[in-house]
Amino acid sequence: MKHLFISLAIFSTLFLELHAFEAGQLSLDTPTALHEGDAAFTLRHRFYGDITESENFFGIDDGGNAFLQLRYSPLEYFVIETHHTRDNHEYNIALSYNYDFDVIKVAYALNGLSITLPQFKERQYSYFGNLSLQSPNYFDHLIISANLGYDGFYEKSGTGLGIDINMANFIGALSFTERLSLMAEYYPQFSKKTGINGIYDSFAAGIKFQTYAHHFEILISNSTAMDARTMMLGTNDTTLHFGFNINRKF
C-alpha cells in the first residue's frame, strides 16, 4: 500500500500542470496560496530507523510513518483540509481562513481529529486550533514561519518556528530545479505535562527542490511526527530519522 501511494504521488507530479504554490514548511502549518477552486496534495514520510545504522540501509528498512493530505479551496480565503497519519490511525478534517496582509501572511485553522491510543479501548475525538504566520520572502532569500496552537485533547498549547533560506538553482546537474531551499524547524516546549510531552524538543532540517511540477523535500528529524500538533508534543528519542515530503498543487 505504501508503494501505491508513492507511485500515485509521482504520477501526479509528471502529468499535472503546476500553478503558483505556497512556501510551505517541513511539518509546520503555513498560510496557503490556494485560490477558489484550487486543490493540493501532500505526501509525507518519516522512517522509524536510525540514520547511523547502515546495516538497515540507514534506517529505511525499519519502515516508517506516513501522512496523506488533501486540501481544497471552495471559496477565496477558505480551505478545507483532510489528512490521515499512520501512527495512532489518526484522521483530521479542518477548515482554515487565510489572508495575505503583504507585510505578513496569516491563517487560522480549526481541526477536528480522531485517534486510536493504546491506553483507551475506544477511538478518541478532539480538536486542534492553530494560528500560522509567515513573512514575505525577505531579500528574495529568507522566509520565516511560526505556529501557535492549542491541543484540545491534551489541553495544552504549543509553538513551532521555521526558516526557509532559498535561492535560484545554481547547480547545473539539477536542471529540473528552479529554486533550492535550506529549511529548518524547531518546536520549543515552554510548558510540559508529565506523560504527554517528550523529554526533548522536536526539530527537523532539510533541503527543498522546487521544480515546475512540485516541491520535493528531503530531511532529517529527531521525531517521526509529521504535523504541527504532534511535533509540538516533543520526543523521547535522540535518534535521527530520514524523511521526505512531496507537495503538489493542481
Protein backbone atom coordinates (compact mmCIF):
# COMPACT_ATOMS: atom_id res chain seq x y z
CA MET A 1 0.00 0.00 0.00
CA LYS A 2 2.84 2.40 0.82
CA HIS A 3 4.36 1.86 -2.62
CA LEU A 4 0.97 2.52 -4.25
CA PHE A 5 0.68 5.92 -2.54
CA ILE A 6 4.22 6.83 -3.57
CA SER A 7 3.52 5.81 -7.17
CA LEU A 8 0.34 7.92 -7.26
CA ALA A 9 2.22 10.94 -5.94
CA ILE A 10 4.97 10.58 -8.53
CA PHE A 11 2.38 10.09 -11.29
CA SER A 12 0.64 13.32 -10.29
CA THR A 13 3.90 15.28 -10.48
CA LEU A 14 4.51 14.16 -14.05
CA PHE A 15 1.14 14.75 -15.66
CA LEU A 16 -0.50 17.70 -13.94
CA GLU A 17 0.04 21.39 -14.69
CA LEU A 18 1.66 23.45 -11.93
CA HIS A 19 0.34 26.75 -10.62
CA ALA A 20 1.99 29.00 -8.01
CA PHE A 21 2.46 27.13 -4.75
CA GLU A 22 2.91 28.46 -1.24
CA ALA A 23 6.21 28.45 0.61
CA GLY A 24 5.32 25.55 2.91
CA GLN A 25 7.45 24.12 5.68
CA LEU A 26 8.51 20.57 6.59
CA SER A 27 5.78 19.97 9.21
CA LEU A 28 4.51 23.39 10.28
CA ASP A 29 1.17 24.74 9.08
CA THR A 30 1.62 27.73 6.77
CA PRO A 31 -0.80 30.18 5.15
CA THR A 32 -1.92 28.84 1.81
CA ALA A 33 -1.66 30.29 -1.69
CA LEU A 34 -4.69 28.29 -2.86
CA HIS A 35 -7.40 30.30 -4.58
CA GLU A 36 -11.03 29.38 -5.12
CA GLY A 37 -11.22 26.08 -6.97
CA ASP A 38 -7.58 25.12 -6.33
CA ALA A 39 -6.51 21.89 -4.63
CA ALA A 40 -3.23 20.45 -3.34
CA PHE A 41 -1.93 17.03 -2.38
CA THR A 42 0.84 16.29 0.14
CA LEU A 43 2.63 13.06 0.97
CA ARG A 44 4.98 12.93 3.98
CA HIS A 45 7.07 10.02 5.22
CA ARG A 46 9.36 9.60 8.24
CA PHE A 47 11.41 6.40 8.54
CA TYR A 48 11.49 4.81 12.01
CA GLY A 49 15.09 3.65 11.79
CA ASP A 50 18.33 5.33 12.89
CA ILE A 51 20.21 7.03 10.03
CA THR A 52 23.51 5.82 11.52
CA GLU A 53 22.58 2.12 11.09
CA SER A 54 23.99 1.29 7.69
CA GLU A 55 23.01 -2.38 8.08
CA ASN A 56 19.36 -1.26 7.95
CA PHE A 57 20.06 0.95 4.94
CA PHE A 58 20.39 3.98 7.23
CA GLY A 59 17.07 3.29 8.93
CA ILE A 60 14.99 2.95 5.80
CA ASP A 61 14.49 -0.83 6.19
CA ASP A 62 12.69 -0.35 9.53
CA GLY A 63 9.50 1.02 7.98
CA GLY A 64 8.02 4.41 8.71
CA ASN A 65 5.17 6.76 9.47
CA ALA A 66 3.09 8.03 6.54
CA PHE A 67 0.93 11.13 6.14
CA LEU A 68 -1.51 11.84 3.30
CA GLN A 69 -3.21 15.23 2.96
CA LEU A 70 -5.68 16.77 0.54
CA ARG A 71 -6.65 20.45 0.58
CA TYR A 72 -9.32 22.28 -1.43
CA SER A 73 -10.42 25.92 -1.56
CA PRO A 74 -14.21 26.15 -2.08
CA LEU A 75 -14.18 29.95 -1.57
CA GLU A 76 -11.49 32.60 -1.69
CA TYR A 77 -9.54 32.72 1.60
CA PHE A 78 -11.09 29.46 2.88
CA VAL A 79 -9.52 25.99 2.67
CA ILE A 80 -10.94 22.59 3.63
CA GLU A 81 -8.25 20.08 4.56
CA THR A 82 -8.24 16.42 5.47
CA HIS A 83 -5.34 14.15 6.31
CA HIS A 84 -4.56 10.70 7.63
CA THR A 85 -1.48 9.69 9.64
CA ARG A 86 -0.44 6.06 10.08
CA ASP A 87 0.67 6.47 13.72
CA ASN A 88 -2.33 6.23 16.06
CA HIS A 89 -4.55 5.77 12.97
CA GLU A 90 -5.23 9.50 13.08
CA TYR A 91 -7.80 11.28 10.91
CA ASN A 92 -8.15 15.04 10.66
CA ILE A 93 -10.58 17.39 8.96
CA ALA A 94 -10.05 21.14 9.15
CA LEU A 95 -11.29 24.50 7.94
CA SER A 96 -8.87 27.40 7.69
CA TYR A 97 -9.10 31.10 6.86
CA ASN A 98 -6.07 32.57 5.10
CA TYR A 99 -5.18 36.18 4.36
CA ASP A 100 -2.15 37.95 2.93
CA PHE A 101 -1.55 41.38 4.51
CA ASP A 102 1.54 41.89 2.30
CA VAL A 103 3.75 42.52 5.34
CA ILE A 104 2.69 39.16 6.82
CA LYS A 105 0.57 36.16 5.84
CA VAL A 106 -1.86 34.85 8.45
CA ALA A 107 -4.05 31.76 8.73
CA TYR A 108 -6.15 30.15 11.43
CA ALA A 109 -7.18 26.50 11.18
CA LEU A 110 -9.58 24.56 13.37
CA ASN A 111 -9.04 20.78 13.15
CA GLY A 112 -11.35 18.02 14.28
CA LEU A 113 -9.31 14.88 14.94
CA SER A 114 -9.84 11.22 15.69
CA ILE A 115 -7.07 8.99 17.11
CA THR A 116 -6.57 5.49 18.47
CA LEU A 117 -4.34 5.29 21.56
CA PRO A 118 -3.27 2.12 23.41
CA GLN A 119 -4.48 3.37 26.82
CA PHE A 120 -8.08 3.72 25.56
CA LYS A 121 -10.36 0.95 24.32
CA GLU A 122 -12.32 3.29 22.07
CA ARG A 123 -11.29 5.83 19.43
CA GLN A 124 -10.80 9.32 20.86
CA TYR A 125 -12.10 12.58 19.37
CA SER A 126 -10.89 16.11 19.96
CA TYR A 127 -9.74 19.33 18.24
CA PHE A 128 -6.64 21.37 17.50
CA GLY A 129 -6.62 25.09 16.76
CA ASN A 130 -3.54 26.57 15.09
CA LEU A 131 -2.55 30.13 14.18
CA SER A 132 0.12 30.27 11.48
CA LEU A 133 2.16 33.31 10.49
CA GLN A 134 4.60 33.69 7.62
CA SER A 135 6.80 36.55 6.47
CA PRO A 136 7.37 37.66 2.87
CA ASN A 137 10.49 36.38 1.15
CA TYR A 138 12.92 38.91 2.66
CA PHE A 139 15.72 39.97 0.29
CA ASP A 140 14.36 37.27 -2.06
CA HIS A 141 16.09 34.67 0.15
CA LEU A 142 14.55 34.34 3.65
CA ILE A 143 11.08 33.24 4.79
CA ILE A 144 10.20 32.95 8.49
CA SER A 145 7.20 30.91 9.70
CA ALA A 146 5.63 30.44 13.13
CA ASN A 147 2.76 28.43 14.65
CA LEU A 148 0.86 28.89 17.90
CA GLY A 149 -1.52 26.03 18.57
CA TYR A 150 -3.85 24.65 21.25
CA ASP A 151 -4.36 20.90 21.59
CA GLY A 152 -7.85 20.24 22.96
CA PHE A 153 -7.14 16.57 23.66
CA TYR A 154 -4.14 17.22 25.91
CA GLU A 155 -5.41 20.66 26.98
CA LYS A 156 -2.12 22.40 26.26
CA SER A 157 -0.65 24.97 23.91
CA GLY A 158 2.44 24.64 21.78
CA THR A 159 4.52 26.56 19.29
CA GLY A 160 6.83 25.99 16.35
CA LEU A 161 9.29 28.12 14.39
CA GLY A 162 10.64 27.63 10.88
CA ILE A 163 13.05 29.22 8.43
CA ASP A 164 13.43 28.83 4.68
CA ILE A 165 16.67 30.13 3.14
CA ASN A 166 16.01 29.97 -0.59
CA MET A 167 17.88 30.84 -3.77
CA ALA A 168 17.77 30.29 -7.51
CA ASN A 169 19.21 26.95 -8.57
CA PHE A 170 22.95 27.23 -9.22
CA ILE A 171 23.74 23.52 -9.68
CA GLY A 172 23.86 22.57 -13.34
CA ALA A 173 23.25 18.89 -12.65
CA LEU A 174 19.88 19.82 -11.10
CA SER A 175 18.50 21.39 -14.25
CA PHE A 176 14.97 20.27 -13.31
CA THR A 177 15.05 22.51 -10.21
CA GLU A 178 14.13 26.20 -10.33
CA ARG A 179 14.89 27.09 -6.70
CA LEU A 180 16.63 25.44 -3.74
CA SER A 181 15.85 25.95 -0.06
CA LEU A 182 17.63 25.09 3.16
CA MET A 183 14.88 24.57 5.73
CA ALA A 184 14.72 24.08 9.49
CA GLU A 185 12.02 23.80 12.17
CA TYR A 186 12.15 23.87 15.94
CA TYR A 187 9.35 23.25 18.46
CA PRO A 188 10.26 24.64 21.92
CA GLN A 189 8.23 23.13 24.78
CA PHE A 190 7.54 26.04 27.10
CA SER A 191 5.11 24.08 29.27
CA LYS A 192 5.37 20.31 29.69
CA LYS A 193 2.84 17.82 31.03
CA THR A 194 4.19 14.61 32.56
CA GLY A 195 3.29 11.59 30.47
CA ILE A 196 2.35 13.74 27.48
CA ASN A 197 5.36 15.77 26.44
CA GLY A 198 8.62 14.25 25.31
CA ILE A 199 11.93 14.76 27.05
CA TYR A 200 13.41 16.59 24.06
CA ASP A 201 12.13 19.34 21.79
CA SER A 202 11.33 18.21 18.24
CA PHE A 203 13.24 19.57 15.27
CA ALA A 204 13.72 18.92 11.57
CA ALA A 205 16.06 20.20 8.87
CA GLY A 206 16.22 19.54 5.17
CA ILE A 207 16.53 20.65 1.55
CA LYS A 208 13.65 21.64 -0.73
CA PHE A 209 13.81 21.24 -4.51
CA GLN A 210 11.22 23.45 -6.21
CA THR A 211 10.53 22.43 -9.79
CA TYR A 212 7.98 23.32 -12.44
CA ALA A 213 5.95 20.34 -11.27
CA HIS A 214 6.18 20.05 -7.49
CA HIS A 215 8.08 20.70 -4.27
CA PHE A 216 10.18 17.79 -3.07
CA GLU A 217 11.86 17.86 0.35
CA ILE A 218 14.48 15.54 1.86
CA LEU A 219 15.04 15.92 5.60
CA ILE A 220 16.28 14.57 8.90
CA SER A 221 14.40 14.83 12.19
CA ASN A 222 14.60 13.58 15.76
CA SER A 223 10.86 12.78 15.57
CA THR A 224 8.71 10.59 13.36
CA ALA A 225 5.78 13.02 13.79
CA MET A 226 4.77 15.00 10.71
CA ASP A 227 2.33 17.76 11.61
CA ALA A 228 2.41 20.76 13.92
CA ARG A 229 0.26 19.23 16.69
CA THR A 230 2.35 16.12 17.15
CA MET A 231 5.70 17.86 16.66
CA MET A 232 4.73 20.30 19.44
CA LEU A 233 4.50 17.35 21.86
CA GLY A 234 8.25 16.74 21.64
CA THR A 235 10.03 13.39 21.50
CA ASN A 236 11.76 10.94 23.84
CA ASP A 237 14.22 9.99 21.13
CA THR A 238 17.65 11.38 20.26
CA THR A 239 17.80 9.18 17.16
CA LEU A 240 17.83 10.99 13.82
CA HIS A 241 15.49 9.72 11.09
CA PHE A 242 15.38 10.24 7.35
CA GLY A 243 12.19 11.64 5.83
CA PHE A 244 10.75 13.19 2.70
CA ASN A 245 7.78 15.29 1.57
CA ILE A 246 6.09 15.67 -1.82
CA ASN A 247 3.80 18.67 -2.30
CA ARG A 248 1.66 19.13 -5.41
CA LYS A 249 -0.86 21.78 -6.40
CA PHE A 250 -3.41 21.12 -9.14
